[in-house]
Amino acid sequence: EYFKAGQNGMHPEIMLTTAAINYSGEMMIEYKKVQYGIYRTFHE
């Protein structure tokens, strides 16, 4: 993940898992009082 994201100019920091029903395509998230961009999602 670090390698693939780095090739695209991203600097991954955290992966969070949540119930799929919670996510509606948002591009920003706040976690532990820090704002992050969501650059990729994965749902089986």
All heavy atoms as atom14 arrays in JSON, in Angstrom:
{
  "sequence": "EYFKAGQNGMHPEIMLTTAAINYSGEMMIEYKKVQYGIYRTFHE",
  "atom14_mask": [
    [1, 1, 1, 1, 1, 1, 1, 1, 1, 0, 0, 0, 0, 0],
    [1, 1, 1, 1, 1, 1, 1, 1, 1, 1, 1, 1, 0, 0],
    [1, 1, 1, 1, 1, 1, 1, 1, 1, 1, 1, 0, 0, 0],
    [1, 1, 1, 1, 1, 1, 1, 1, 1, 0, 0, 0, 0, 0],
    [1, 1, 1, 1, 1, 0, 0, 0, 0, 0, 0, 0, 0, 0],
    [1, 1, 1, 1, 0, 0, 0, 0, 0, 0, 0, 0, 0, 0],
    [1, 1, 1, 1, 1, 1, 1, 1, 1, 0, 0, 0, 0, 0],
    [1, 1, 1, 1, 1, 1, 1, 1, 0, 0, 0, 0, 0, 0],
    [1, 1, 1, 1, 0, 0, 0, 0, 0, 0, 0, 0, 0, 0],
    [1, 1, 1, 1, 1, 1, 1, 1, 0, 0, 0, 0, 0, 0],
    [1, 1, 1, 1, 1, 1, 1, 1, 1, 1, 0, 0, 0, 0],
    [1, 1, 1, 1, 1, 1, 1, 0, 0, 0, 0, 0, 0, 0],
    [1, 1, 1, 1, 1, 1, 1, 1, 1, 0, 0, 0, 0, 0],
    [1, 1, 1, 1, 1, 1, 1, 1, 0, 0, 0, 0, 0, 0],
    [1, 1, 1, 1, 1, 1, 1, 1, 0, 0, 0, 0, 0, 0],
    [1, 1, 1, 1, 1, 1, 1, 1, 0, 0, 0, 0, 0, 0],
    [1, 1, 1, 1, 1, 1, 1, 0, 0, 0, 0, 0, 0, 0],
    [1, 1, 1, 1, 1, 1, 1, 0, 0, 0, 0, 0, 0, 0],
    [1, 1, 1, 1, 1, 0, 0, 0, 0, 0, 0, 0, 0, 0],
    [1, 1, 1, 1, 1, 0, 0, 0, 0, 0, 0, 0, 0, 0],
    [1, 1, 1, 1, 1, 1, 1, 1, 0, 0, 0, 0, 0, 0],
    [1, 1, 1, 1, 1, 1, 1, 1, 0, 0, 0, 0, 0, 0],
    [1, 1, 1, 1, 1, 1, 1, 1, 1, 1, 1, 1, 0, 0],
    [1, 1, 1, 1, 1, 1, 0, 0, 0, 0, 0, 0, 0, 0],
    [1, 1, 1, 1, 0, 0, 0, 0, 0, 0, 0, 0, 0, 0],
    [1, 1, 1, 1, 1, 1, 1, 1, 1, 0, 0, 0, 0, 0],
    [1, 1, 1, 1, 1, 1, 1, 1, 0, 0, 0, 0, 0, 0],
    [1, 1, 1, 1, 1, 1, 1, 1, 0, 0, 0, 0, 0, 0],
    [1, 1, 1, 1, 1, 1, 1, 1, 0, 0, 0, 0, 0, 0],
    [1, 1, 1, 1, 1, 1, 1, 1, 1, 0, 0, 0, 0, 0],
    [1, 1, 1, 1, 1, 1, 1, 1, 1, 1, 1, 1, 0, 0],
    [1, 1, 1, 1, 1, 1, 1, 1, 1, 0, 0, 0, 0, 0],
    [1, 1, 1, 1, 1, 1, 1, 1, 1, 0, 0, 0, 0, 0],
    [1, 1, 1, 1, 1, 1, 1, 0, 0, 0, 0, 0, 0, 0],
    [1, 1, 1, 1, 1, 1, 1, 1, 1, 0, 0, 0, 0, 0],
    [1, 1, 1, 1, 1, 1, 1, 1, 1, 1, 1, 1, 0, 0],
    [1, 1, 1, 1, 0, 0, 0, 0, 0, 0, 0, 0, 0, 0],
    [1, 1, 1, 1, 1, 1, 1, 1, 0, 0, 0, 0, 0, 0],
    [1, 1, 1, 1, 1, 1, 1, 1, 1, 1, 1, 1, 0, 0],
    [1, 1, 1, 1, 1, 1, 1, 1, 1, 1, 1, 0, 0, 0],
    [1, 1, 1, 1, 1, 1, 1, 0, 0, 0, 0, 0, 0, 0],
    [1, 1, 1, 1, 1, 1, 1, 1, 1, 1, 1, 0, 0, 0],
    [1, 1, 1, 1, 1, 1, 1, 1, 1, 1, 0, 0, 0, 0],
    [1, 1, 1, 1, 1, 1, 1, 1, 1, 0, 0, 0, 0, 0]
  ],
  "atom14_positions": [
    [[0.84, -1.21, 0.0], [0.0, 0.0, 0.0], [0.87, 1.25, 0.0], [0.61, 2.19, -0.74], [-0.93, 0.0, 1.22], [-1.86, 1.19, 1.27], [-2.87, 1.22, 0.14], [-3.27, 0.16, -0.35], [-3.26, 2.34, -0.25], [0.0, 0.0, 0.0], [0.0, 0.0, 0.0], [0.0, 0.0, 0.0], [0.0, 0.0, 0.0], [0.0, 0.0, 0.0]],
    [[1.92, 1.27, 0.83], [2.83, 2.42, 0.84], [3.46, 2.61, -0.54], [3.56, 3.71, -1.05], [3.96, 2.21, 1.86], [3.56, 2.54, 3.28], [3.42, 1.53, 4.22], [3.35, 3.86, 3.68], [3.07, 1.83, 5.52], [3.0, 4.15, 4.99], [2.86, 3.13, 5.9], [2.51, 3.43, 7.19], [0.0, 0.0, 0.0], [0.0, 0.0, 0.0]],
    [[3.87, 1.51, -1.16], [4.53, 1.58, -2.46], [3.59, 2.09, -3.54], [3.91, 3.02, -4.27], [5.08, 0.19, -2.84], [5.78, 0.17, -4.16], [7.03, 0.74, -4.3], [5.18, -0.42, -5.26], [7.68, 0.74, -5.53], [5.82, -0.43, -6.5], [7.08, 0.14, -6.62], [0.0, 0.0, 0.0], [0.0, 0.0, 0.0], [0.0, 0.0, 0.0]],
    [[2.4, 1.5, -3.64], [1.43, 1.91, -4.66], [0.99, 3.35, -4.48], [0.89, 4.11, -5.44], [0.21, 0.99, -4.65], [0.46, -0.38, -5.2], [-0.81, -1.22, -5.12], [-0.55, -2.64, -5.51], [-1.75, -3.47, -5.34], [0.0, 0.0, 0.0], [0.0, 0.0, 0.0], [0.0, 0.0, 0.0], [0.0, 0.0, 0.0], [0.0, 0.0, 0.0]],
    [[0.7, 3.73, -3.25], [0.27, 5.1, -2.99], [1.4, 6.08, -3.28], [1.17, 7.15, -3.85], [-0.22, 5.24, -1.55], [0.0, 0.0, 0.0], [0.0, 0.0, 0.0], [0.0, 0.0, 0.0], [0.0, 0.0, 0.0], [0.0, 0.0, 0.0], [0.0, 0.0, 0.0], [0.0, 0.0, 0.0], [0.0, 0.0, 0.0], [0.0, 0.0, 0.0]],
    [[2.61, 5.71, -2.9], [3.76, 6.57, -3.15], [3.99, 6.81, -4.63], [4.39, 7.9, -5.04], [0.0, 0.0, 0.0], [0.0, 0.0, 0.0], [0.0, 0.0, 0.0], [0.0, 0.0, 0.0], [0.0, 0.0, 0.0], [0.0, 0.0, 0.0], [0.0, 0.0, 0.0], [0.0, 0.0, 0.0], [0.0, 0.0, 0.0], [0.0, 0.0, 0.0]],
    [[3.74, 5.81, -5.45], [3.88, 5.97, -6.9], [2.9, 7.01, -7.44], [3.15, 7.62, -8.46], [3.63, 4.64, -7.61], [4.75, 3.67, -7.5], [4.45, 2.38, -8.25], [3.33, 1.89, -8.25], [5.47, 1.84, -8.9], [0.0, 0.0, 0.0], [0.0, 0.0, 0.0], [0.0, 0.0, 0.0], [0.0, 0.0, 0.0], [0.0, 0.0, 0.0]],
    [[1.79, 7.2, -6.75], [0.77, 8.16, -7.18], [0.85, 9.48, -6.41], [-0.1, 10.26, -6.42], [-0.63, 7.55, -7.03], [-0.81, 6.4, -7.99], [-0.46, 6.49, -9.15], [-1.34, 5.31, -7.49], [0.0, 0.0, 0.0], [0.0, 0.0, 0.0], [0.0, 0.0, 0.0], [0.0, 0.0, 0.0], [0.0, 0.0, 0.0], [0.0, 0.0, 0.0]],
    [[1.95, 9.7, -5.7], [2.16, 10.95, -4.98], [1.42, 11.05, -3.66], [1.31, 12.13, -3.1], [0.0, 0.0, 0.0], [0.0, 0.0, 0.0], [0.0, 0.0, 0.0], [0.0, 0.0, 0.0], [0.0, 0.0, 0.0], [0.0, 0.0, 0.0], [0.0, 0.0, 0.0], [0.0, 0.0, 0.0], [0.0, 0.0, 0.0], [0.0, 0.0, 0.0]],
    [[0.89, 9.94, -3.17], [0.18, 9.95, -1.89], [1.12, 9.5, -0.78], [2.09, 8.79, -1.03], [-1.02, 8.98, -1.92], [-2.03, 9.27, -2.98], [-2.95, 10.72, -2.53], [-4.12, 10.79, -3.84], [0.0, 0.0, 0.0], [0.0, 0.0, 0.0], [0.0, 0.0, 0.0], [0.0, 0.0, 0.0], [0.0, 0.0, 0.0], [0.0, 0.0, 0.0]],
    [[0.82, 9.92, 0.42], [1.58, 9.52, 1.6], [0.61, 8.92, 2.6], [0.09, 9.6, 3.47], [2.31, 10.73, 2.2], [3.23, 11.38, 1.23], [4.43, 10.83, 0.87], [3.1, 12.51, 0.5], [5.02, 11.61, -0.02], [4.23, 12.64, -0.26], [0.0, 0.0, 0.0], [0.0, 0.0, 0.0], [0.0, 0.0, 0.0], [0.0, 0.0, 0.0]],
    [[0.33, 7.62, 2.47], [-0.66, 6.98, 3.34], [-0.24, 7.02, 4.8], [0.95, 6.93, 5.12], [-0.73, 5.55, 2.83], [0.56, 5.32, 2.14], [1.0, 6.65, 1.6], [0.0, 0.0, 0.0], [0.0, 0.0, 0.0], [0.0, 0.0, 0.0], [0.0, 0.0, 0.0], [0.0, 0.0, 0.0], [0.0, 0.0, 0.0], [0.0, 0.0, 0.0]],
    [[-1.23, 7.2, 5.67], [-0.93, 7.26, 7.1], [-1.7, 6.22, 7.9], [-1.15, 5.62, 8.8], [-1.22, 8.65, 7.65], [-0.25, 9.66, 7.1], [-0.09, 10.87, 7.98], [-0.49, 10.83, 9.16], [0.43, 11.86, 7.47], [0.0, 0.0, 0.0], [0.0, 0.0, 0.0], [0.0, 0.0, 0.0], [0.0, 0.0, 0.0], [0.0, 0.0, 0.0]],
    [[-3.0, 6.06, 7.6], [-3.84, 5.2, 8.43], [-4.85, 4.48, 7.55], [-5.29, 5.02, 6.54], [-4.63, 6.03, 9.48], [-3.67, 6.78, 10.39], [-5.56, 5.16, 10.3], [-4.36, 7.76, 11.32], [0.0, 0.0, 0.0], [0.0, 0.0, 0.0], [0.0, 0.0, 0.0], [0.0, 0.0, 0.0], [0.0, 0.0, 0.0], [0.0, 0.0, 0.0]],
    [[-5.23, 3.27, 7.97], [-6.35, 2.57, 7.35], [-7.38, 2.35, 8.45], [-7.06, 1.84, 9.52], [-5.9, 1.23, 6.76], [-6.97, 0.53, 5.94], [-8.11, -0.52, 6.85], [-7.06, -1.85, 7.33], [0.0, 0.0, 0.0], [0.0, 0.0, 0.0], [0.0, 0.0, 0.0], [0.0, 0.0, 0.0], [0.0, 0.0, 0.0], [0.0, 0.0, 0.0]],
    [[-8.61, 2.79, 8.19], [-9.71, 2.59, 9.13], [-10.75, 1.68, 8.51], [-10.98, 1.74, 7.3], [-10.38, 3.92, 9.48], [-9.52, 4.97, 10.17], [-10.32, 6.25, 10.37], [-9.0, 4.47, 11.5], [0.0, 0.0, 0.0], [0.0, 0.0, 0.0], [0.0, 0.0, 0.0], [0.0, 0.0, 0.0], [0.0, 0.0, 0.0], [0.0, 0.0, 0.0]],
    [[-11.36, 0.87, 9.33], [-12.45, -0.01, 8.9], [-13.72, 0.43, 9.61], [-13.7, 0.72, 10.8], [-12.14, -1.47, 9.26], [-10.89, -1.83, 8.69], [-13.21, -2.41, 8.75], [0.0, 0.0, 0.0], [0.0, 0.0, 0.0], [0.0, 0.0, 0.0], [0.0, 0.0, 0.0], [0.0, 0.0, 0.0], [0.0, 0.0, 0.0], [0.0, 0.0, 0.0]],
    [[-14.82, 0.48, 8.85], [-16.12, 0.84, 9.42], [-17.2, 0.04, 8.68], [-16.92, -0.59, 7.66], [-16.39, 2.35, 9.32], [-17.57, 2.67, 10.06], [-16.55, 2.81, 7.89], [0.0, 0.0, 0.0], [0.0, 0.0, 0.0], [0.0, 0.0, 0.0], [0.0, 0.0, 0.0], [0.0, 0.0, 0.0], [0.0, 0.0, 0.0], [0.0, 0.0, 0.0]],
    [[-18.4, 0.08, 9.2], [-19.52, -0.58, 8.51], [-19.76, 0.14, 7.18], [-19.76, 1.37, 7.13], [-20.78, -0.52, 9.37], [0.0, 0.0, 0.0], [0.0, 0.0, 0.0], [0.0, 0.0, 0.0], [0.0, 0.0, 0.0], [0.0, 0.0, 0.0], [0.0, 0.0, 0.0], [0.0, 0.0, 0.0], [0.0, 0.0, 0.0], [0.0, 0.0, 0.0]],
    [[-19.93, -0.62, 6.11], [-20.08, -0.04, 4.78], [-21.26, 0.92, 4.7], [-21.22, 1.9, 3.96], [-20.23, -1.15, 3.74], [0.0, 0.0, 0.0], [0.0, 0.0, 0.0], [0.0, 0.0, 0.0], [0.0, 0.0, 0.0], [0.0, 0.0, 0.0], [0.0, 0.0, 0.0], [0.0, 0.0, 0.0], [0.0, 0.0, 0.0], [0.0, 0.0, 0.0]],
    [[-22.29, 0.68, 5.48], [-23.47, 1.53, 5.44], [-23.15, 2.95, 5.95], [-23.85, 3.91, 5.62], [-24.63, 0.9, 6.24], [-25.94, 1.58, 5.89], [-24.35, 0.95, 7.73], [-27.15, 0.8, 6.31], [0.0, 0.0, 0.0], [0.0, 0.0, 0.0], [0.0, 0.0, 0.0], [0.0, 0.0, 0.0], [0.0, 0.0, 0.0], [0.0, 0.0, 0.0]],
    [[-22.07, 3.12, 6.71], [-21.68, 4.43, 7.23], [-21.1, 5.35, 6.17], [-21.15, 6.56, 6.31], [-20.62, 4.29, 8.34], [-21.16, 3.69, 9.59], [-22.35, 3.73, 9.86], [-20.28, 3.1, 10.39], [0.0, 0.0, 0.0], [0.0, 0.0, 0.0], [0.0, 0.0, 0.0], [0.0, 0.0, 0.0], [0.0, 0.0, 0.0], [0.0, 0.0, 0.0]],
    [[-20.52, 4.78, 5.12], [-19.76, 5.57, 4.16], [-20.61, 5.92, 2.94], [-21.2, 5.07, 2.31], [-18.51, 4.79, 3.72], [-17.63, 5.57, 2.8], [-16.94, 6.68, 3.25], [-17.49, 5.2, 1.48], [-16.13, 7.41, 2.41], [-16.68, 5.92, 0.62], [-16.0, 7.02, 1.09], [-15.2, 7.74, 0.24], [0.0, 0.0, 0.0], [0.0, 0.0, 0.0]],
    [[-20.62, 7.23, 2.63], [-21.42, 7.71, 1.49], [-20.59, 8.5, 0.49], [-21.05, 9.48, -0.08], [-22.56, 8.6, 2.0], [-23.4, 7.89, 2.86], [0.0, 0.0, 0.0], [0.0, 0.0, 0.0], [0.0, 0.0, 0.0], [0.0, 0.0, 0.0], [0.0, 0.0, 0.0], [0.0, 0.0, 0.0], [0.0, 0.0, 0.0], [0.0, 0.0, 0.0]],
    [[-19.33, 8.11, 0.32], [-18.49, 8.77, -0.68], [-17.77, 10.02, -0.21], [-17.23, 10.76, -1.02], [0.0, 0.0, 0.0], [0.0, 0.0, 0.0], [0.0, 0.0, 0.0], [0.0, 0.0, 0.0], [0.0, 0.0, 0.0], [0.0, 0.0, 0.0], [0.0, 0.0, 0.0], [0.0, 0.0, 0.0], [0.0, 0.0, 0.0], [0.0, 0.0, 0.0]],
    [[-17.75, 10.28, 1.08], [-17.05, 11.46, 1.59], [-15.56, 11.38, 1.25], [-14.99, 10.3, 1.15], [-17.22, 11.57, 3.12], [-18.62, 11.9, 3.57], [-19.51, 10.68, 3.76], [-19.09, 9.55, 3.43], [-20.64, 10.86, 4.24], [0.0, 0.0, 0.0], [0.0, 0.0, 0.0], [0.0, 0.0, 0.0], [0.0, 0.0, 0.0], [0.0, 0.0, 0.0]],
    [[-14.95, 12.54, 1.1], [-13.53, 12.61, 0.76], [-12.65, 13.06, 1.92], [-11.43, 13.08, 1.82], [-13.32, 13.56, -0.42], [-14.04, 13.11, -1.69], [-13.6, 11.46, -2.24], [-11.9, 11.68, -2.68], [0.0, 0.0, 0.0], [0.0, 0.0, 0.0], [0.0, 0.0, 0.0], [0.0, 0.0, 0.0], [0.0, 0.0, 0.0], [0.0, 0.0, 0.0]],
    [[-13.27, 13.44, 3.05], [-12.54, 13.92, 4.21], [-13.06, 13.22, 5.47], [-14.24, 12.89, 5.55], [-12.72, 15.43, 4.4], [-12.17, 16.29, 3.28], [-10.38, 16.4, 3.31], [-10.1, 17.2, 4.87], [0.0, 0.0, 0.0], [0.0, 0.0, 0.0], [0.0, 0.0, 0.0], [0.0, 0.0, 0.0], [0.0, 0.0, 0.0], [0.0, 0.0, 0.0]],
    [[-12.15, 13.03, 6.43], [-12.52, 12.41, 7.69], [-11.66, 13.03, 8.8], [-10.52, 13.43, 8.55], [-12.34, 10.87, 7.62], [-12.98, 10.17, 8.81], [-10.89, 10.51, 7.46], [-13.1, 8.66, 8.64], [0.0, 0.0, 0.0], [0.0, 0.0, 0.0], [0.0, 0.0, 0.0], [0.0, 0.0, 0.0], [0.0, 0.0, 0.0], [0.0, 0.0, 0.0]],
    [[-12.23, 13.12, 9.98], [-11.48, 13.58, 11.15], [-11.33, 12.4, 12.1], [-12.3, 11.75, 12.46], [-12.23, 14.71, 11.84], [-11.51, 15.3, 13.02], [-12.28, 16.42, 13.67], [-12.74, 17.33, 12.94], [-12.45, 16.37, 14.9], [0.0, 0.0, 0.0], [0.0, 0.0, 0.0], [0.0, 0.0, 0.0], [0.0, 0.0, 0.0], [0.0, 0.0, 0.0]],
    [[-10.08, 12.13, 12.48], [-9.79, 11.0, 13.36], [-8.73, 11.44, 14.36], [-7.67, 11.95, 13.96], [-9.3, 9.81, 12.54], [-8.99, 8.57, 13.34], [-9.98, 7.92, 14.07], [-7.71, 8.05, 13.37], [-9.7, 6.79, 14.81], [-7.42, 6.91, 14.1], [-8.42, 6.28, 14.82], [-8.14, 5.15, 15.56], [0.0, 0.0, 0.0], [0.0, 0.0, 0.0]],
    [[-9.02, 11.3, 15.63], [-8.12, 11.73, 16.71], [-7.75, 13.2, 16.55], [-6.58, 13.59, 16.64], [-6.88, 10.84, 16.78], [-7.21, 9.41, 17.16], [-5.97, 8.58, 17.32], [-6.34, 7.17, 17.75], [-5.17, 6.29, 17.87], [0.0, 0.0, 0.0], [0.0, 0.0, 0.0], [0.0, 0.0, 0.0], [0.0, 0.0, 0.0], [0.0, 0.0, 0.0]],
    [[-8.75, 14.02, 16.23], [-8.64, 15.48, 16.09], [-7.74, 15.93, 14.95], [-7.25, 17.07, 14.94], [-8.21, 16.11, 17.4], [-9.21, 15.87, 18.52], [-8.87, 16.6, 19.77], [-9.91, 16.27, 20.82], [-9.81, 17.07, 21.99], [0.0, 0.0, 0.0], [0.0, 0.0, 0.0], [0.0, 0.0, 0.0], [0.0, 0.0, 0.0], [0.0, 0.0, 0.0]],
    [[-7.49, 15.06, 13.97], [-6.7, 15.4, 12.79], [-7.55, 15.13, 11.56], [-8.22, 14.1, 11.49], [-5.4, 14.55, 12.74], [-4.61, 14.85, 11.48], [-4.56, 14.78, 13.98], [0.0, 0.0, 0.0], [0.0, 0.0, 0.0], [0.0, 0.0, 0.0], [0.0, 0.0, 0.0], [0.0, 0.0, 0.0], [0.0, 0.0, 0.0], [0.0, 0.0, 0.0]],
    [[-7.52, 16.06, 10.6], [-8.27, 15.85, 9.36], [-7.4, 15.14, 8.34], [-6.23, 15.47, 8.16], [-8.74, 17.18, 8.79], [-9.89, 17.76, 9.56], [-10.51, 18.94, 8.84], [-10.24, 19.21, 7.69], [-11.36, 19.65, 9.56], [0.0, 0.0, 0.0], [0.0, 0.0, 0.0], [0.0, 0.0, 0.0], [0.0, 0.0, 0.0], [0.0, 0.0, 0.0]],
    [[-8.01, 14.16, 7.67], [-7.33, 13.38, 6.63], [-8.19, 13.39, 5.38], [-9.41, 13.51, 5.45], [-7.16, 11.92, 7.07], [-6.27, 11.71, 8.26], [-6.8, 11.64, 9.55], [-4.9, 11.58, 8.11], [-5.99, 11.44, 10.65], [-4.08, 11.38, 9.21], [-4.62, 11.31, 10.47], [-3.82, 11.11, 11.56], [0.0, 0.0, 0.0], [0.0, 0.0, 0.0]],
    [[-7.54, 13.18, 4.25], [-8.26, 12.93, 3.02], [-8.4, 11.42, 2.85], [-7.54, 10.65, 3.28], [0.0, 0.0, 0.0], [0.0, 0.0, 0.0], [0.0, 0.0, 0.0], [0.0, 0.0, 0.0], [0.0, 0.0, 0.0], [0.0, 0.0, 0.0], [0.0, 0.0, 0.0], [0.0, 0.0, 0.0], [0.0, 0.0, 0.0], [0.0, 0.0, 0.0]],
    [[-9.5, 10.99, 2.25], [-9.69, 9.57, 1.95], [-9.29, 9.4, 0.49], [-9.96, 9.89, -0.41], [-11.16, 9.16, 2.17], [-11.56, 9.4, 3.63], [-11.38, 7.69, 1.76], [-13.05, 9.22, 3.9], [0.0, 0.0, 0.0], [0.0, 0.0, 0.0], [0.0, 0.0, 0.0], [0.0, 0.0, 0.0], [0.0, 0.0, 0.0], [0.0, 0.0, 0.0]],
    [[-8.17, 8.73, 0.25], [-7.68, 8.6, -1.12], [-8.1, 7.29, -1.79], [-8.03, 7.17, -3.01], [-6.16, 8.77, -1.2], [-5.36, 7.65, -0.6], [-4.98, 6.56, -1.39], [-4.95, 7.68, 0.72], [-4.23, 5.52, -0.85], [-4.21, 6.66, 1.26], [-3.85, 5.59, 0.48], [-3.11, 4.56, 1.01], [0.0, 0.0, 0.0], [0.0, 0.0, 0.0]],
    [[-8.57, 6.32, -0.98], [-8.97, 5.04, -1.56], [-9.86, 4.31, -0.58], [-9.73, 4.46, 0.63], [-7.73, 4.2, -1.86], [-7.99, 2.89, -2.53], [-6.69, 2.23, -2.96], [-6.07, 1.43, -1.92], [-6.39, 0.17, -1.64], [-7.34, -0.46, -2.3], [-5.75, -0.49, -0.7], [0.0, 0.0, 0.0], [0.0, 0.0, 0.0], [0.0, 0.0, 0.0]],
    [[-10.78, 3.52, -1.11], [-11.62, 2.65, -0.29], [-11.55, 1.24, -0.86], [-11.22, 1.05, -2.02], [-13.1, 3.1, -0.26], [-13.62, 3.03, -1.59], [-13.23, 4.52, 0.28], [0.0, 0.0, 0.0], [0.0, 0.0, 0.0], [0.0, 0.0, 0.0], [0.0, 0.0, 0.0], [0.0, 0.0, 0.0], [0.0, 0.0, 0.0], [0.0, 0.0, 0.0]],
    [[-11.87, 0.28, 0.0], [-11.93, -1.11, -0.46], [-13.09, -1.79, 0.25], [-13.18, -1.76, 1.47], [-10.62, -1.85, -0.15], [-10.66, -3.28, -0.57], [-10.6, -3.63, -1.91], [-10.77, -4.29, 0.37], [-10.65, -4.97, -2.31], [-10.82, -5.62, -0.01], [-10.76, -5.96, -1.36], [0.0, 0.0, 0.0], [0.0, 0.0, 0.0], [0.0, 0.0, 0.0]],
    [[-13.97, -2.38, -0.55], [-15.14, -3.06, -0.01], [-15.33, -4.38, -0.75], [-15.56, -4.38, -1.96], [-16.39, -2.17, -0.17], [-17.64, -2.82, 0.33], [-18.72, -3.03, -0.49], [-17.97, -3.31, 1.54], [-19.68, -3.62, 0.21], [-19.23, -3.8, 1.44], [0.0, 0.0, 0.0], [0.0, 0.0, 0.0], [0.0, 0.0, 0.0], [0.0, 0.0, 0.0]],
    [[-15.22, -5.48, -0.04], [-15.48, -6.79, -0.64], [-16.98, -7.0, -0.71], [-17.71, -6.63, 0.21], [-14.83, -7.9, 0.18], [-13.32, -7.89, 0.07], [-12.71, -9.14, 0.7], [-13.29, -10.23, 0.55], [-11.67, -9.0, 1.34], [0.0, 0.0, 0.0], [0.0, 0.0, 0.0], [0.0, 0.0, 0.0], [0.0, 0.0, 0.0], [0.0, 0.0, 0.0]]
  ]
}
